Amino acid sequence: MSDGLTLRDRLSGIAHEVVKFGTVGALGVVVNVVVFNLCTQGADLAPVRSGVLATTAAILTNYVGNRYWTYRDRDKSGRSREASLFLLFSGVGMVIENGVLALSHYGLGFTSSLADNLAKNVIGLGLGSLFRFWSYRTWVFRVAADAADAPGAEPAAPSSPPR
């Protein structure tokens, strides 16, 4: 560990980050579930269409929470790059989340409101959230180069995805 951080320091930093990410994510889940159910139950929209609308609302909520709270100390120099990558990885997460819903609803025939909510907001959202956490911390909200040299800082992530 050439940067002077112990394993305990690294785990503590990641645990703190996970708690903040989880708090922002919990707010996003509330937005996601409420919008999804308003669309499916109140507006009688199709489940996947409702899922996409709900996930989009949650993505916007989560960007604000992650940028200004979870990762507020991370590099802010490339906002357009950050926003583009956030939207790209959020879109992949949306496909994961709503893909599980589509598979359950249309592929397996589980069409009740409970089944749709479990598929989208438990299984799909869980898998999508794991992907988002990894991608956001790795590619979107990077540690600034000068902050990476400071004591207690995490090493900077690569500036571009591997090819």
Protein backbone atom coordinates (compact mmCIF):
# COMPACT_ATOMS: atom_id res chain seq x y z
CA MET A 1 0.00 0.00 0.00
CA SER A 2 2.20 2.75 -1.30
CA ASP A 3 -0.34 5.52 -0.61
CA GLY A 4 -0.11 5.08 3.17
CA LEU A 5 -3.66 3.86 3.74
CA THR A 6 -4.29 0.83 5.86
CA LEU A 7 -6.88 -1.75 4.91
CA ARG A 8 -9.01 -0.51 7.79
CA ASP A 9 -8.86 3.08 6.47
CA ARG A 10 -9.87 1.93 2.99
CA LEU A 11 -12.76 -0.19 4.28
CA SER A 12 -13.95 2.64 6.51
CA GLY A 13 -13.92 5.05 3.57
CA ILE A 14 -15.82 2.64 1.36
CA ALA A 15 -18.34 1.90 4.14
CA HIS A 16 -18.97 5.63 4.60
CA GLU A 17 -19.43 6.01 0.84
CA VAL A 18 -21.81 3.03 0.71
CA VAL A 19 -23.95 4.55 3.49
CA LYS A 20 -24.21 7.89 1.66
CA PHE A 21 -24.85 6.19 -1.69
CA GLY A 22 -27.48 4.02 0.00
CA THR A 23 -29.20 7.03 1.56
CA VAL A 24 -29.40 8.81 -1.78
CA GLY A 25 -30.49 5.54 -3.36
CA ALA A 26 -33.24 5.09 -0.76
CA LEU A 27 -34.67 8.46 -1.73
CA GLY A 28 -34.41 7.40 -5.37
CA VAL A 29 -36.24 4.15 -4.55
CA VAL A 30 -39.09 6.11 -2.97
CA VAL A 31 -39.33 8.31 -6.06
CA ASN A 32 -39.09 5.24 -8.30
CA VAL A 33 -41.79 3.26 -6.48
CA VAL A 34 -44.19 6.20 -6.16
CA VAL A 35 -43.87 7.26 -9.81
CA PHE A 36 -44.09 3.63 -11.01
CA ASN A 37 -47.27 2.98 -9.07
CA LEU A 38 -48.82 6.31 -10.03
CA CYS A 39 -48.18 5.50 -13.68
CA THR A 40 -49.39 1.88 -13.56
CA GLN A 41 -52.27 2.27 -11.10
CA GLY A 42 -53.31 5.89 -11.56
CA ALA A 43 -52.59 6.56 -15.23
CA ASP A 44 -53.02 2.93 -16.36
CA LEU A 45 -49.79 2.98 -18.39
CA ALA A 46 -48.02 -0.22 -19.44
CA PRO A 47 -45.59 -1.61 -16.83
CA VAL A 48 -42.34 -1.14 -18.78
CA ARG A 49 -43.32 2.37 -19.93
CA SER A 50 -44.15 3.21 -16.31
CA GLY A 51 -40.86 1.68 -15.24
CA VAL A 52 -38.86 3.82 -17.65
CA LEU A 53 -40.64 7.00 -16.49
CA ALA A 54 -40.14 6.09 -12.84
CA THR A 55 -36.48 5.21 -13.31
CA THR A 56 -35.87 8.47 -15.18
CA ALA A 57 -37.34 10.48 -12.28
CA ALA A 58 -35.18 8.52 -9.83
CA ILE A 59 -32.04 9.05 -11.96
CA LEU A 60 -32.51 12.82 -11.83
CA THR A 61 -33.03 12.69 -8.06
CA ASN A 62 -29.99 10.46 -7.59
CA TYR A 63 -27.69 12.62 -9.72
CA VAL A 64 -28.36 15.63 -7.55
CA GLY A 65 -27.90 13.62 -4.33
CA ASN A 66 -24.75 11.87 -5.46
CA ARG A 67 -23.09 14.92 -7.01
CA TYR A 68 -23.82 17.30 -4.14
CA TRP A 69 -23.59 14.93 -1.17
CA THR A 70 -22.14 11.43 -1.71
CA TYR A 71 -19.36 12.52 -4.06
CA ARG A 72 -19.19 16.24 -3.32
CA ASP A 73 -15.45 16.01 -2.66
CA ARG A 74 -14.70 14.34 -5.98
CA ASP A 75 -13.37 15.98 -9.13
CA LYS A 76 -15.77 18.62 -10.47
CA SER A 77 -13.68 19.81 -13.41
CA GLY A 78 -15.41 17.80 -16.13
CA ARG A 79 -19.12 18.29 -15.46
CA SER A 80 -20.23 17.51 -19.03
CA ARG A 81 -18.13 14.32 -19.02
CA GLU A 82 -19.50 13.43 -15.59
CA ALA A 83 -23.12 14.04 -16.59
CA SER A 84 -22.70 12.10 -19.84
CA LEU A 85 -21.18 9.10 -18.07
CA PHE A 86 -23.78 9.31 -15.30
CA LEU A 87 -26.56 9.19 -17.88
CA LEU A 88 -24.86 6.38 -19.80
CA PHE A 89 -24.39 4.17 -16.73
CA SER A 90 -27.82 5.11 -15.38
CA GLY A 91 -29.26 4.07 -18.72
CA VAL A 92 -27.55 0.68 -18.46
CA GLY A 93 -28.95 0.37 -14.92
CA MET A 94 -32.39 1.29 -16.29
CA VAL A 95 -32.13 -1.49 -18.88
CA ILE A 96 -31.17 -3.98 -16.16
CA GLU A 97 -33.99 -2.83 -13.87
CA ASN A 98 -36.72 -2.73 -16.49
CA GLY A 99 -35.37 -5.78 -18.29
CA VAL A 100 -36.12 -7.83 -15.19
CA LEU A 101 -39.64 -6.32 -15.16
CA ALA A 102 -40.18 -7.10 -18.85
CA LEU A 103 -38.93 -10.66 -18.40
CA SER A 104 -41.20 -11.21 -15.41
CA HIS A 105 -44.30 -9.51 -16.84
CA TYR A 106 -44.15 -10.49 -20.50
CA GLY A 107 -41.81 -13.48 -20.51
CA LEU A 108 -42.92 -15.34 -17.40
CA GLY A 109 -46.49 -14.04 -17.25
CA PHE A 110 -46.35 -12.64 -13.70
CA THR A 111 -48.69 -9.72 -14.30
CA SER A 112 -50.05 -8.74 -10.89
CA SER A 113 -49.17 -5.40 -9.35
CA LEU A 114 -47.24 -7.21 -6.61
CA ALA A 115 -45.25 -9.25 -9.15
CA ASP A 116 -44.44 -6.12 -11.18
CA ASN A 117 -43.28 -4.27 -8.06
CA LEU A 118 -41.14 -7.19 -6.88
CA ALA A 119 -39.56 -7.68 -10.30
CA LYS A 120 -38.84 -4.00 -10.87
CA ASN A 121 -38.37 -2.48 -7.44
CA VAL A 122 -36.68 -5.37 -5.62
CA ILE A 123 -34.84 -7.67 -8.03
CA GLY A 124 -34.26 -5.29 -10.95
CA LEU A 125 -33.50 -2.28 -8.79
CA GLY A 126 -31.14 -4.33 -6.62
CA LEU A 127 -29.14 -5.57 -9.61
CA GLY A 128 -29.19 -2.14 -11.26
CA SER A 129 -28.03 -0.46 -8.05
CA LEU A 130 -25.04 -2.77 -7.70
CA PHE A 131 -24.02 -1.92 -11.26
CA ARG A 132 -24.59 1.81 -10.70
CA PHE A 133 -22.57 1.92 -7.48
CA TRP A 134 -19.60 0.27 -9.14
CA SER A 135 -19.77 2.39 -12.30
CA TYR A 136 -20.38 5.74 -10.57
CA ARG A 137 -17.49 5.36 -8.15
CA THR A 138 -15.18 3.96 -10.82
CA TRP A 139 -15.92 6.16 -13.83
CA VAL A 140 -18.25 9.05 -13.03
CA PHE A 141 -17.33 10.64 -9.68
CA ARG A 142 -13.56 10.27 -9.78
CA VAL A 143 -11.11 11.39 -7.15
CA ALA A 144 -9.40 14.60 -8.27
CA ALA A 145 -5.73 14.07 -9.21
CA ASP A 146 -4.42 16.49 -6.55
CA ALA A 147 -6.75 15.09 -3.88
CA ALA A 148 -5.47 11.58 -4.57
CA ASP A 149 -2.07 12.63 -3.25
CA ALA A 150 -3.49 13.89 0.04
CA PRO A 151 -3.31 11.69 3.16
CA GLY A 152 -6.42 9.55 3.55
CA ALA A 153 -7.52 9.92 -0.08
CA GLU A 154 -8.47 7.04 -2.30
CA PRO A 155 -6.39 6.42 -5.42
CA ALA A 156 -7.77 8.03 -8.56
CA ALA A 157 -9.78 5.87 -10.91
CA PRO A 158 -8.72 5.61 -14.54
CA SER A 159 -9.87 8.50 -16.68
CA SER A 160 -11.46 6.38 -19.37
CA PRO A 161 -12.99 2.92 -19.56
CA PRO A 162 -10.73 0.12 -20.76
CA ARG A 163 -11.10 -0.81 -24.41
